[in-house]
């Protein structure tokens, strides 16, 4: 397996945190309240099939039994990797960091909104909720030449109509809802056989829980309707159901105030991607800062953020941490 390295996603937050704390210490000395920089492990589950290991540990949601037996692509177990890195498991997995008064995460946007609008800093108000599905369409495989069109139970035909319908419904719904069919597999997947089975995924996101629930219910009903029209069966597996997470409005107001007072151009926005902040926010007051991503590219060697925007993000972080850590 060839590793695809992100030069900014994750790394920027750690480097920005160190730069901000070094500047504050050199200019103002010791803060009134402790300031810490933390590097989270396995936010995205990119190495192991487990997301948010670091932040889940902070809020007492990570359990050793949840990762027992899982391995990376090279066959290294989670247990071996954590030991090799010099760490171990918490003695009390349900213990929560009760001494933390706030959590601030700074991150590249991973979208193109800030770049399109030529705004250097985003202040996040919500992290979207997500519902993810695996849809299995079962028809009947048959000979492509000898099966008349009217006698077919074509799983691919049904799946294609379903994916088009999902896209049309999402466009009609409008922002901030997004819906994506990200993968599709056919069986038997050969040129001269009517597909008997199609399996595809759906990823639907919205900032409001009720709107997310209403839209996904409408999608599920539409899938059943199309299946009946084509004469196939459809199985709908909802395997991820994460509610939207609001950021702490007091910290958001601190960020706005500091940006206003220090002439930092910003946009109030939502995050369409998941972050450690959504795990921590229900337990500890949390907020996020974004800087632009060129063309919205992330998780890719072409990932890029203009150095001037990186610097403005650090400035916004410095002003925010000063208010949180130094102000009377």
C-alpha atoms as a PDB file:
ATOM      1  CA  UNK A   1       0.000   0.000   0.000  1.00  0.00           C
ATOM      2  CA  UNK A   2       1.273   3.482  -0.892  1.00  0.00           C
ATOM      3  CA  UNK A   3       0.632   6.108   1.746  1.00  0.00           C
ATOM      4  CA  UNK A   4      -0.985   9.352   0.584  1.00  0.00           C
ATOM      5  CA  UNK A   5       0.212  12.092   2.885  1.00  0.00           C
ATOM      6  CA  UNK A   6      -1.733  15.233   3.739  1.00  0.00           C
ATOM      7  CA  UNK A   7       0.609  18.165   4.174  1.00  0.00           C
ATOM      8  CA  UNK A   8      -1.926  20.424   5.890  1.00  0.00           C
ATOM      9  CA  UNK A   9      -4.847  18.375   7.238  1.00  0.00           C
ATOM     10  CA  UNK A  10      -3.983  17.785  10.892  1.00  0.00           C
ATOM     11  CA  UNK A  11      -0.410  19.008  10.718  1.00  0.00           C
ATOM     12  CA  UNK A  12      -1.459  22.641  10.380  1.00  0.00           C
ATOM     13  CA  UNK A  13      -3.477  22.518  13.594  1.00  0.00           C
ATOM     14  CA  UNK A  14      -0.519  21.246  15.609  1.00  0.00           C
ATOM     15  CA  UNK A  15       2.008  23.667  14.127  1.00  0.00           C
ATOM     16  CA  UNK A  16      -0.406  26.605  14.444  1.00  0.00           C
ATOM     17  CA  UNK A  17      -0.979  25.722  18.098  1.00  0.00           C
ATOM     18  CA  UNK A  18       2.743  25.653  18.880  1.00  0.00           C
ATOM     19  CA  UNK A  19       3.363  28.934  17.037  1.00  0.00           C
ATOM     20  CA  UNK A  20       0.474  30.630  18.836  1.00  0.00           C
ATOM     21  CA  UNK A  21       1.606  29.490  22.293  1.00  0.00           C
ATOM     22  CA  UNK A  22       5.229  30.412  21.646  1.00  0.00           C
ATOM     23  CA  UNK A  23       4.206  33.902  20.544  1.00  0.00           C
ATOM     24  CA  UNK A  24       1.912  34.410  23.538  1.00  0.00           C
ATOM     25  CA  UNK A  25       4.530  33.234  26.012  1.00  0.00           C
ATOM     26  CA  UNK A  26       7.265  35.437  24.523  1.00  0.00           C
ATOM     27  CA  UNK A  27       5.029  38.518  24.403  1.00  0.00           C
ATOM     28  CA  UNK A  28       2.895  38.163  27.534  1.00  0.00           C
ATOM     29  CA  UNK A  29       4.613  35.590  29.731  1.00  0.00           C
ATOM     30  CA  UNK A  30       2.684  32.964  31.661  1.00  0.00           C
ATOM     31  CA  UNK A  31      -1.101  32.855  31.096  1.00  0.00           C
ATOM     32  CA  UNK A  32      -3.706  33.070  33.841  1.00  0.00           C
ATOM     33  CA  UNK A  33      -5.099  29.733  32.709  1.00  0.00           C
ATOM     34  CA  UNK A  34      -3.147  26.785  31.328  1.00  0.00           C
ATOM     35  CA  UNK A  35      -2.929  26.473  27.566  1.00  0.00           C
ATOM     36  CA  UNK A  36      -2.148  23.089  25.987  1.00  0.00           C
ATOM     37  CA  UNK A  37      -1.512  21.846  22.459  1.00  0.00           C
ATOM     38  CA  UNK A  38      -2.757  18.331  21.754  1.00  0.00           C
ATOM     39  CA  UNK A  39      -2.195  16.081  18.742  1.00  0.00           C
ATOM     40  CA  UNK A  40      -5.084  13.663  18.321  1.00  0.00           C
ATOM     41  CA  UNK A  41      -4.603  10.059  17.210  1.00  0.00           C
ATOM     42  CA  UNK A  42      -6.722   8.440  14.488  1.00  0.00           C
ATOM     43  CA  UNK A  43      -9.232  11.224  13.946  1.00  0.00           C
ATOM     44  CA  UNK A  44     -10.239   9.825  10.590  1.00  0.00           C
ATOM     45  CA  UNK A  45      -9.517   6.150  11.064  1.00  0.00           C
ATOM     46  CA  UNK A  46      -7.108   6.431   8.141  1.00  0.00           C
ATOM     47  CA  UNK A  47      -4.800   3.697   9.437  1.00  0.00           C
ATOM     48  CA  UNK A  48      -7.203   1.594  11.507  1.00  0.00           C
ATOM     49  CA  UNK A  49     -10.988   1.143  11.147  1.00  0.00           C
ATOM     50  CA  UNK A  50     -11.712   3.251  14.220  1.00  0.00           C
ATOM     51  CA  UNK A  51     -12.287   7.019  14.157  1.00  0.00           C
ATOM     52  CA  UNK A  52     -11.573   9.639  16.837  1.00  0.00           C
ATOM     53  CA  UNK A  53      -9.467   7.475  19.125  1.00  0.00           C
ATOM     54  CA  UNK A  54      -7.703  10.481  20.676  1.00  0.00           C
ATOM     55  CA  UNK A  55     -10.726  12.671  21.271  1.00  0.00           C
ATOM     56  CA  UNK A  56     -12.834   9.723  22.406  1.00  0.00           C
ATOM     57  CA  UNK A  57     -10.228   9.082  25.095  1.00  0.00           C
ATOM     58  CA  UNK A  58     -10.465  12.682  26.304  1.00  0.00           C
ATOM     59  CA  UNK A  59     -14.227  12.431  26.766  1.00  0.00           C
ATOM     60  CA  UNK A  60     -14.255   8.893  28.142  1.00  0.00           C
ATOM     61  CA  UNK A  61     -15.808   7.194  25.108  1.00  0.00           C
ATOM     62  CA  UNK A  62     -12.869   5.018  23.946  1.00  0.00           C
ATOM     63  CA  UNK A  63     -12.687   1.407  25.083  1.00  0.00           C
ATOM     64  CA  UNK A  64      -9.762  -0.954  24.602  1.00  0.00           C
ATOM     65  CA  UNK A  65     -12.109  -3.789  23.631  1.00  0.00           C
ATOM     66  CA  UNK A  66     -13.371  -1.696  20.692  1.00  0.00           C
ATOM     67  CA  UNK A  67      -9.949  -1.864  19.019  1.00  0.00           C
ATOM     68  CA  UNK A  68      -8.872  -5.351  19.987  1.00  0.00           C
ATOM     69  CA  UNK A  69      -8.046  -7.425  16.947  1.00  0.00           C
ATOM     70  CA  UNK A  70      -8.217  -4.636  14.373  1.00  0.00           C
ATOM     71  CA  UNK A  71      -5.231  -4.228  12.037  1.00  0.00           C
ATOM     72  CA  UNK A  72      -3.905  -1.739   9.510  1.00  0.00           C
ATOM     73  CA  UNK A  73      -3.325  -2.496   5.811  1.00  0.00           C
ATOM     74  CA  UNK A  74       0.098  -3.945   6.564  1.00  0.00           C
ATOM     75  CA  UNK A  75      -1.207  -6.315   9.227  1.00  0.00           C
ATOM     76  CA  UNK A  76      -0.007  -4.373  12.286  1.00  0.00           C
ATOM     77  CA  UNK A  77      -2.493  -4.612  15.121  1.00  0.00           C
ATOM     78  CA  UNK A  78      -3.807  -1.544  16.901  1.00  0.00           C
ATOM     79  CA  UNK A  79      -2.435  -2.920  20.158  1.00  0.00           C
ATOM     80  CA  UNK A  80       1.081  -3.326  18.729  1.00  0.00           C
ATOM     81  CA  UNK A  81       1.003   0.148  17.166  1.00  0.00           C
ATOM     82  CA  UNK A  82      -0.029   1.870  20.379  1.00  0.00           C
ATOM     83  CA  UNK A  83       2.721   0.088  22.310  1.00  0.00           C
ATOM     84  CA  UNK A  84       5.335   0.888  19.650  1.00  0.00           C
ATOM     85  CA  UNK A  85       4.386   4.563  19.869  1.00  0.00           C
ATOM     86  CA  UNK A  86       5.112   4.537  23.591  1.00  0.00           C
ATOM     87  CA  UNK A  87       1.544   4.701  24.797  1.00  0.00           C
ATOM     88  CA  UNK A  88      -0.873   2.400  26.552  1.00  0.00           C
ATOM     89  CA  UNK A  89      -4.535   2.270  27.472  1.00  0.00           C
ATOM     90  CA  UNK A  90      -6.228   4.382  30.131  1.00  0.00           C
ATOM     91  CA  UNK A  91      -6.691   2.683  33.486  1.00  0.00           C
ATOM     92  CA  UNK A  92     -10.172   4.173  33.638  1.00  0.00           C
ATOM     93  CA  UNK A  93     -11.514   4.374  30.059  1.00  0.00           C
ATOM     94  CA  UNK A  94     -14.602   6.321  31.163  1.00  0.00           C
ATOM     95  CA  UNK A  95     -12.574   9.083  32.856  1.00  0.00           C
ATOM     96  CA  UNK A  96     -13.162  12.545  31.349  1.00  0.00           C
ATOM     97  CA  UNK A  97     -10.759  15.496  31.362  1.00  0.00           C
ATOM     98  CA  UNK A  98     -12.799  17.540  33.813  1.00  0.00           C
ATOM     99  CA  UNK A  99     -10.146  20.271  34.063  1.00  0.00           C
ATOM    100  CA  UNK A 100     -10.672  21.571  30.521  1.00  0.00           C
ATOM    101  CA  UNK A 101     -12.697  24.773  30.259  1.00  0.00           C
ATOM    102  CA  UNK A 102     -12.592  25.064  26.460  1.00  0.00           C
ATOM    103  CA  UNK A 103     -11.277  23.380  23.336  1.00  0.00           C
ATOM    104  CA  UNK A 104     -10.294  25.208  20.134  1.00  0.00           C
ATOM    105  CA  UNK A 105      -9.469  23.376  16.915  1.00  0.00           C
ATOM    106  CA  UNK A 106      -7.891  25.065  13.899  1.00  0.00           C
ATOM    107  CA  UNK A 107      -8.018  23.215  10.591  1.00  0.00           C
ATOM    108  CA  UNK A 108      -7.858  23.598   6.838  1.00  0.00           C
ATOM    109  CA  UNK A 109     -11.391  23.870   5.480  1.00  0.00           C
ATOM    110  CA  UNK A 110     -11.241  20.809   3.172  1.00  0.00           C
ATOM    111  CA  UNK A 111     -13.775  22.632   1.008  1.00  0.00           C
ATOM    112  CA  UNK A 112     -13.577  25.557  -1.397  1.00  0.00           C
ATOM    113  CA  UNK A 113     -16.004  28.049   0.181  1.00  0.00           C
ATOM    114  CA  UNK A 114     -13.381  30.337   1.736  1.00  0.00           C
ATOM    115  CA  UNK A 115     -11.203  30.280  -1.380  1.00  0.00           C
ATOM    116  CA  UNK A 116     -14.170  31.006  -3.665  1.00  0.00           C
ATOM    117  CA  UNK A 117     -15.204  33.944  -1.501  1.00  0.00           C
ATOM    118  CA  UNK A 118     -11.621  35.135  -0.937  1.00  0.00           C
ATOM    119  CA  UNK A 119     -11.941  35.047   2.852  1.00  0.00           C
ATOM    120  CA  UNK A 120      -8.879  33.958   4.884  1.00  0.00           C
ATOM    121  CA  UNK A 121     -10.577  32.723   8.083  1.00  0.00           C
ATOM    122  CA  UNK A 122     -13.735  30.779   8.811  1.00  0.00           C
ATOM    123  CA  UNK A 123     -15.415  30.640  12.223  1.00  0.00           C
ATOM    124  CA  UNK A 124     -17.376  27.399  12.489  1.00  0.00           C
ATOM    125  CA  UNK A 125     -20.836  27.489  14.027  1.00  0.00           C
ATOM    126  CA  UNK A 126     -21.939  23.891  13.368  1.00  0.00           C
ATOM    127  CA  UNK A 127     -20.480  20.569  12.326  1.00  0.00           C
ATOM    128  CA  UNK A 128     -22.918  18.749  10.104  1.00  0.00           C
ATOM    129  CA  UNK A 129     -24.769  15.613  11.055  1.00  0.00           C
ATOM    130  CA  UNK A 130     -24.216  12.598   8.830  1.00  0.00           C
ATOM    131  CA  UNK A 131     -26.286   9.582   7.842  1.00  0.00           C
ATOM    132  CA  UNK A 132     -24.583   6.885   5.776  1.00  0.00           C
ATOM    133  CA  UNK A 133     -26.235   3.957   4.050  1.00  0.00           C
ATOM    134  CA  UNK A 134     -25.392   0.830   2.131  1.00  0.00           C
ATOM    135  CA  UNK A 135     -28.121   0.100  -0.397  1.00  0.00           C
ATOM    136  CA  UNK A 136     -28.457  -3.383  -1.911  1.00  0.00           C
ATOM    137  CA  UNK A 137     -30.647  -3.823  -4.987  1.00  0.00           C
ATOM    138  CA  UNK A 138     -31.504  -7.425  -5.863  1.00  0.00           C
ATOM    139  CA  UNK A 139     -32.872  -8.180  -9.296  1.00  0.00           C
ATOM    140  CA  UNK A 140     -32.219 -11.146 -11.571  1.00  0.00           C
ATOM    141  CA  UNK A 141     -29.069 -11.800 -13.594  1.00  0.00           C
ATOM    142  CA  UNK A 142     -29.827 -12.930 -17.116  1.00  0.00           C
ATOM    143  CA  UNK A 143     -28.418 -13.072 -20.632  1.00  0.00           C
ATOM    144  CA  UNK A 144     -27.971  -9.625 -22.192  1.00  0.00           C
ATOM    145  CA  UNK A 145     -28.913 -10.832 -25.669  1.00  0.00           C
ATOM    146  CA  UNK A 146     -31.800 -13.201 -25.061  1.00  0.00           C
ATOM    147  CA  UNK A 147     -33.702 -11.370 -22.295  1.00  0.00           C
ATOM    148  CA  UNK A 148     -36.209  -8.831 -23.729  1.00  0.00           C
ATOM    149  CA  UNK A 149     -36.203  -5.404 -22.071  1.00  0.00           C
ATOM    150  CA  UNK A 150     -39.714  -5.862 -20.729  1.00  0.00           C
ATOM    151  CA  UNK A 151     -38.811  -9.138 -18.976  1.00  0.00           C
ATOM    152  CA  UNK A 152     -35.785  -7.848 -17.073  1.00  0.00           C
ATOM    153  CA  UNK A 153     -35.318  -7.219 -13.341  1.00  0.00           C
ATOM    154  CA  UNK A 154     -32.227  -5.100 -13.955  1.00  0.00           C
ATOM    155  CA  UNK A 155     -30.529  -4.127 -10.679  1.00  0.00           C
ATOM    156  CA  UNK A 156     -28.293  -1.586 -12.421  1.00  0.00           C
ATOM    157  CA  UNK A 157     -31.255   0.116 -14.081  1.00  0.00           C
ATOM    158  CA  UNK A 158     -32.951   0.478 -10.703  1.00  0.00           C
ATOM    159  CA  UNK A 159     -29.784   1.627  -8.942  1.00  0.00           C
ATOM    160  CA  UNK A 160     -29.106   4.228 -11.654  1.00  0.00           C
ATOM    161  CA  UNK A 161     -32.590   5.666 -11.297  1.00  0.00           C
ATOM    162  CA  UNK A 162     -32.145   5.734  -7.512  1.00  0.00           C
ATOM    163  CA  UNK A 163     -28.848   7.610  -7.642  1.00  0.00           C
ATOM    164  CA  UNK A 164     -30.228  10.158 -10.102  1.00  0.00           C
ATOM    165  CA  UNK A 165     -33.262  10.661  -7.878  1.00  0.00           C
ATOM    166  CA  UNK A 166     -31.073  11.224  -4.815  1.00  0.00           C
ATOM    167  CA  UNK A 167     -29.042  13.840  -6.657  1.00  0.00           C
ATOM    168  CA  UNK A 168     -32.153  15.630  -7.947  1.00  0.00           C
ATOM    169  CA  UNK A 169     -33.716  15.659  -4.483  1.00  0.00           C
ATOM    170  CA  UNK A 170     -30.541  17.102  -2.946  1.00  0.00           C
ATOM    171  CA  UNK A 171     -30.304  19.843  -5.576  1.00  0.00           C
ATOM    172  CA  UNK A 172     -33.944  20.744  -4.979  1.00  0.00           C
ATOM    173  CA  UNK A 173     -33.407  20.822  -1.206  1.00  0.00           C
ATOM    174  CA  UNK A 174     -30.434  23.195  -1.537  1.00  0.00           C
ATOM    175  CA  UNK A 175     -27.675  24.252   0.861  1.00  0.00           C
ATOM    176  CA  UNK A 176     -26.559  23.259   3.409  1.00  0.00           C
ATOM    177  CA  UNK A 177     -27.749  19.732   2.579  1.00  0.00           C
ATOM    178  CA  UNK A 178     -25.424  17.526   0.534  1.00  0.00           C
ATOM    179  CA  UNK A 179     -25.938  13.953  -0.670  1.00  0.00           C
ATOM    180  CA  UNK A 180     -23.329  11.727  -2.290  1.00  0.00           C
ATOM    181  CA  UNK A 181     -23.341   8.281  -3.860  1.00  0.00           C
ATOM    182  CA  UNK A 182     -19.680   7.457  -3.425  1.00  0.00           C
ATOM    183  CA  UNK A 183     -19.336   3.855  -4.523  1.00  0.00           C
ATOM    184  CA  UNK A 184     -21.209   1.224  -6.529  1.00  0.00           C
ATOM    185  CA  UNK A 185     -20.589  -2.459  -7.191  1.00  0.00           C
ATOM    186  CA  UNK A 186     -22.359  -4.693  -9.693  1.00  0.00           C
ATOM    187  CA  UNK A 187     -22.759  -8.457  -9.821  1.00  0.00           C
ATOM    188  CA  UNK A 188     -21.819 -10.318 -11.920  1.00  0.00           C
ATOM    189  CA  UNK A 189     -20.245  -7.176 -13.439  1.00  0.00           C
ATOM    190  CA  UNK A 190     -19.658  -8.492 -16.931  1.00  0.00           C
ATOM    191  CA  UNK A 191     -20.500  -7.031 -20.333  1.00  0.00           C
ATOM    192  CA  UNK A 192     -23.055  -9.572 -21.559  1.00  0.00           C
ATOM    193  CA  UNK A 193     -25.104 -10.206 -18.404  1.00  0.00           C
ATOM    194  CA  UNK A 194     -27.990  -8.154 -17.039  1.00  0.00           C
ATOM    195  CA  UNK A 195     -26.833  -7.160 -13.514  1.00  0.00           C
ATOM    196  CA  UNK A 196     -28.602  -9.157 -10.863  1.00  0.00           C
ATOM    197  CA  UNK A 197     -27.291  -7.167  -7.929  1.00  0.00           C
ATOM    198  CA  UNK A 198     -26.153  -3.603  -7.330  1.00  0.00           C
ATOM    199  CA  UNK A 199     -24.713  -2.281  -4.098  1.00  0.00           C
ATOM    200  CA  UNK A 200     -24.060   1.407  -3.513  1.00  0.00           C
ATOM    201  CA  UNK A 201     -23.445   3.847  -0.676  1.00  0.00           C
ATOM    202  CA  UNK A 202     -25.149   7.098   0.251  1.00  0.00           C
ATOM    203  CA  UNK A 203     -23.673   9.883   2.414  1.00  0.00           C
ATOM    204  CA  UNK A 204     -26.147  12.605   3.447  1.00  0.00           C
ATOM    205  CA  UNK A 205     -25.240  15.630   5.600  1.00  0.00           C
ATOM    206  CA  UNK A 206     -27.022  18.652   7.046  1.00  0.00           C
ATOM    207  CA  UNK A 207     -26.504  21.156   9.862  1.00  0.00           C
ATOM    208  CA  UNK A 208     -30.025  20.652  11.293  1.00  0.00           C
ATOM    209  CA  UNK A 209     -31.129  17.308  12.710  1.00  0.00           C
ATOM    210  CA  UNK A 210     -34.810  17.604  11.766  1.00  0.00           C
ATOM    211  CA  UNK A 211     -33.972  18.533   8.185  1.00  0.00           C
ATOM    212  CA  UNK A 212     -31.529  15.615   7.970  1.00  0.00           C
ATOM    213  CA  UNK A 213     -34.127  13.165   9.291  1.00  0.00           C
ATOM    214  CA  UNK A 214     -36.865  14.446   6.975  1.00  0.00           C
ATOM    215  CA  UNK A 215     -34.664  14.285   3.886  1.00  0.00           C
ATOM    216  CA  UNK A 216     -33.330  10.803   4.582  1.00  0.00           C
ATOM    217  CA  UNK A 217     -36.859   9.545   5.213  1.00  0.00           C
ATOM    218  CA  UNK A 218     -37.875  10.949   1.831  1.00  0.00           C
ATOM    219  CA  UNK A 219     -34.872   9.253   0.194  1.00  0.00           C
ATOM    220  CA  UNK A 220     -35.726   5.896   1.751  1.00  0.00           C
ATOM    221  CA  UNK A 221     -39.300   6.181   0.493  1.00  0.00           C
ATOM    222  CA  UNK A 222     -38.074   7.087  -2.996  1.00  0.00           C
ATOM    223  CA  UNK A 223     -35.793   4.043  -3.113  1.00  0.00           C
ATOM    224  CA  UNK A 224     -38.709   1.763  -2.260  1.00  0.00           C
ATOM    225  CA  UNK A 225     -40.889   3.442  -4.883  1.00  0.00           C
ATOM    226  CA  UNK A 226     -38.301   2.964  -7.653  1.00  0.00           C
ATOM    227  CA  UNK A 227     -37.689  -0.651  -6.635  1.00  0.00           C
ATOM    228  CA  UNK A 228     -41.403  -1.397  -7.014  1.00  0.00           C
ATOM    229  CA  UNK A 229     -41.528   0.309 -10.420  1.00  0.00           C
ATOM    230  CA  UNK A 230     -38.589  -1.722 -11.802  1.00  0.00           C
ATOM    231  CA  UNK A 231     -39.586  -4.991 -10.134  1.00  0.00           C
ATOM    232  CA  UNK A 232     -36.568  -5.462  -7.877  1.00  0.00           C
ATOM    233  CA  UNK A 233     -36.012  -5.710  -4.126  1.00  0.00           C
ATOM    234  CA  UNK A 234     -34.084  -3.112  -2.150  1.00  0.00           C
ATOM    235  CA  UNK A 235     -32.434  -3.453   1.272  1.00  0.00           C
ATOM    236  CA  UNK A 236     -31.561  -0.234   3.102  1.00  0.00           C
ATOM    237  CA  UNK A 237     -28.820  -0.410   5.744  1.00  0.00           C
ATOM    238  CA  UNK A 238     -28.332   2.771   7.802  1.00  0.00           C
ATOM    239  CA  UNK A 239     -24.935   2.155   9.397  1.00  0.00           C
ATOM    240  CA  UNK A 240     -23.929   5.660  10.501  1.00  0.00           C
ATOM    241  CA  UNK A 241     -26.231   8.138  12.217  1.00  0.00           C
ATOM    242  CA  UNK A 242     -24.401  11.132  13.720  1.00  0.00           C
ATOM    243  CA  UNK A 243     -26.310  14.204  14.855  1.00  0.00           C
ATOM    244  CA  UNK A 244     -25.189  17.735  13.948  1.00  0.00           C
ATOM    245  CA  UNK A 245     -23.016  19.347  16.614  1.00  0.00           C
ATOM    246  CA  UNK A 246     -23.225  23.090  17.411  1.00  0.00           C
ATOM    247  CA  UNK A 247     -20.128  24.953  18.503  1.00  0.00           C
ATOM    248  CA  UNK A 248     -20.106  26.891  21.779  1.00  0.00           C
ATOM    249  CA  UNK A 249     -21.560  30.317  21.050  1.00  0.00           C
ATOM    250  CA  UNK A 250     -19.552  32.049  23.787  1.00  0.00           C
ATOM    251  CA  UNK A 251     -16.278  30.955  22.176  1.00  0.00           C
ATOM    252  CA  UNK A 252     -17.642  31.792  18.725  1.00  0.00           C
ATOM    253  CA  UNK A 253     -18.370  35.318  19.990  1.00  0.00           C
ATOM    254  CA  UNK A 254     -14.829  35.543  21.380  1.00  0.00           C
ATOM    255  CA  UNK A 255     -13.468  34.617  17.946  1.00  0.00           C
ATOM    256  CA  UNK A 256     -15.709  37.157  16.233  1.00  0.00           C
ATOM    257  CA  UNK A 257     -14.752  39.898  18.676  1.00  0.00           C
ATOM    258  CA  UNK A 258     -11.040  39.237  18.324  1.00  0.00           C
ATOM    259  CA  UNK A 259     -11.213  39.090  14.534  1.00  0.00           C
ATOM    260  CA  UNK A 260     -13.205  42.337  14.419  1.00  0.00           C
ATOM    261  CA  UNK A 261     -10.808  44.142  16.731  1.00  0.00           C
ATOM    262  CA  UNK A 262      -7.723  42.919  14.870  1.00  0.00           C
ATOM    263  CA  UNK A 263      -9.010  43.425  11.300  1.00  0.00           C
ATOM    264  CA  UNK A 264      -9.096  39.718  10.445  1.00  0.00           C
ATOM    265  CA  UNK A 265     -11.569  39.094   7.617  1.00  0.00           C
ATOM    266  CA  UNK A 266     -13.748  36.072   8.464  1.00  0.00           C
ATOM    267  CA  UNK A 267     -16.884  34.158   7.559  1.00  0.00           C
ATOM    268  CA  UNK A 268     -19.349  32.444   9.888  1.00  0.00           C
ATOM    269  CA  UNK A 269     -19.849  28.990   8.392  1.00  0.00           C
ATOM    270  CA  UNK A 270     -20.443  25.317   9.047  1.00  0.00           C
ATOM    271  CA  UNK A 271     -18.128  22.369   8.679  1.00  0.00           C
ATOM    272  CA  UNK A 272     -19.214  19.789   6.145  1.00  0.00           C
ATOM    273  CA  UNK A 273     -16.561  17.344   7.383  1.00  0.00           C
ATOM    274  CA  UNK A 274     -16.220  15.590  10.712  1.00  0.00           C
ATOM    275  CA  UNK A 275     -13.605  16.683  13.258  1.00  0.00           C
ATOM    276  CA  UNK A 276     -12.422  15.882  16.776  1.00  0.00           C
ATOM    277  CA  UNK A 277     -14.326  19.010  17.811  1.00  0.00           C
ATOM    278  CA  UNK A 278     -17.659  17.215  17.290  1.00  0.00           C
ATOM    279  CA  UNK A 279     -16.636  14.504  19.764  1.00  0.00           C
ATOM    280  CA  UNK A 280     -15.441  16.969  22.388  1.00  0.00           C
ATOM    281  CA  UNK A 281     -18.178  19.617  22.006  1.00  0.00           C
ATOM    282  CA  UNK A 282     -20.929  17.729  23.890  1.00  0.00           C
ATOM    283  CA  UNK A 283     -18.647  17.576  26.956  1.00  0.00           C
ATOM    284  CA  UNK A 284     -16.370  20.634  26.766  1.00  0.00           C
ATOM    285  CA  UNK A 285     -17.163  24.100  25.278  1.00  0.00           C
ATOM    286  CA  UNK A 286     -15.666  23.895  21.785  1.00  0.00           C
ATOM    287  CA  UNK A 287     -15.184  25.997  18.649  1.00  0.00           C
ATOM    288  CA  UNK A 288     -13.258  25.807  15.378  1.00  0.00           C
ATOM    289  CA  UNK A 289     -11.304  28.052  13.022  1.00  0.00           C
ATOM    290  CA  UNK A 290     -10.821  27.303   9.322  1.00  0.00           C
ATOM    291  CA  UNK A 291      -8.356  28.538   6.715  1.00  0.00           C
ATOM    292  CA  UNK A 292      -8.922  28.052   2.956  1.00  0.00           C
ATOM    293  CA  UNK A 293      -8.091  24.897   1.008  1.00  0.00           C
ATOM    294  CA  UNK A 294      -7.068  25.326  -2.644  1.00  0.00           C
ATOM    295  CA  UNK A 295      -9.906  23.922  -4.796  1.00  0.00           C
ATOM    296  CA  UNK A 296     -11.204  22.158  -1.682  1.00  0.00           C
ATOM    297  CA  UNK A 297      -8.672  19.354  -2.141  1.00  0.00           C
ATOM    298  CA  UNK A 298      -7.809  17.334   0.976  1.00  0.00           C
ATOM    299  CA  UNK A 299      -6.388  13.899   1.825  1.00  0.00           C
ATOM    300  CA  UNK A 300      -4.289  14.277  -1.288  1.00  0.00           C
ATOM    301  CA  UNK A 301      -0.697  15.241  -2.149  1.00  0.00           C
ATOM    302  CA  UNK A 302      -2.139  18.263  -4.013  1.00  0.00           C
ATOM    303  CA  UNK A 303      -3.572  19.641  -0.781  1.00  0.00           C
ATOM    304  CA  UNK A 304      -2.484  23.281  -0.455  1.00  0.00           C
ATOM    305  CA  UNK A 305      -3.175  26.454   1.514  1.00  0.00           C
ATOM    306  CA  UNK A 306      -1.630  29.826   0.727  1.00  0.00           C
ATOM    307  CA  UNK A 307       1.041  30.696   3.350  1.00  0.00           C
ATOM    308  CA  UNK A 308      -0.608  34.088   3.880  1.00  0.00           C
ATOM    309  CA  UNK A 309      -3.841  32.352   4.813  1.00  0.00           C
ATOM    310  CA  UNK A 310      -1.993  29.978   7.126  1.00  0.00           C
ATOM    311  CA  UNK A 311      -0.486  33.000   8.875  1.00  0.00           C
ATOM    312  CA  UNK A 312      -3.859  34.757   9.200  1.00  0.00           C
ATOM    313  CA  UNK A 313      -5.283  31.613  10.759  1.00  0.00           C
ATOM    314  CA  UNK A 314      -2.466  31.598  13.313  1.00  0.00           C
ATOM    315  CA  UNK A 315      -3.172  35.254  14.062  1.00  0.00           C
ATOM    316  CA  UNK A 316      -6.857  34.484  14.646  1.00  0.00           C
ATOM    317  CA  UNK A 317      -5.839  31.620  16.924  1.00  0.00           C
ATOM    318  CA  UNK A 318      -3.414  33.833  18.864  1.00  0.00           C
ATOM    319  CA  UNK A 319      -6.082  36.457  19.514  1.00  0.00           C
ATOM    320  CA  UNK A 320      -8.610  33.791  20.552  1.00  0.00           C
ATOM    321  CA  UNK A 321      -6.205  32.054  22.937  1.00  0.00           C
ATOM    322  CA  UNK A 322      -5.184  35.372  24.444  1.00  0.00           C
ATOM    323  CA  UNK A 323      -8.814  36.092  25.308  1.00  0.00           C
ATOM    324  CA  UNK A 324      -9.347  32.585  26.691  1.00  0.00           C
ATOM    325  CA  UNK A 325      -6.037  32.215  28.530  1.00  0.00           C
ATOM    326  CA  UNK A 326      -4.837  35.683  29.501  1.00  0.00           C
ATOM    327  CA  UNK A 327      -7.798  38.029  29.790  1.00  0.00           C
ATOM    328  CA  UNK A 328      -9.029  38.789  33.313  1.00  0.00           C
END
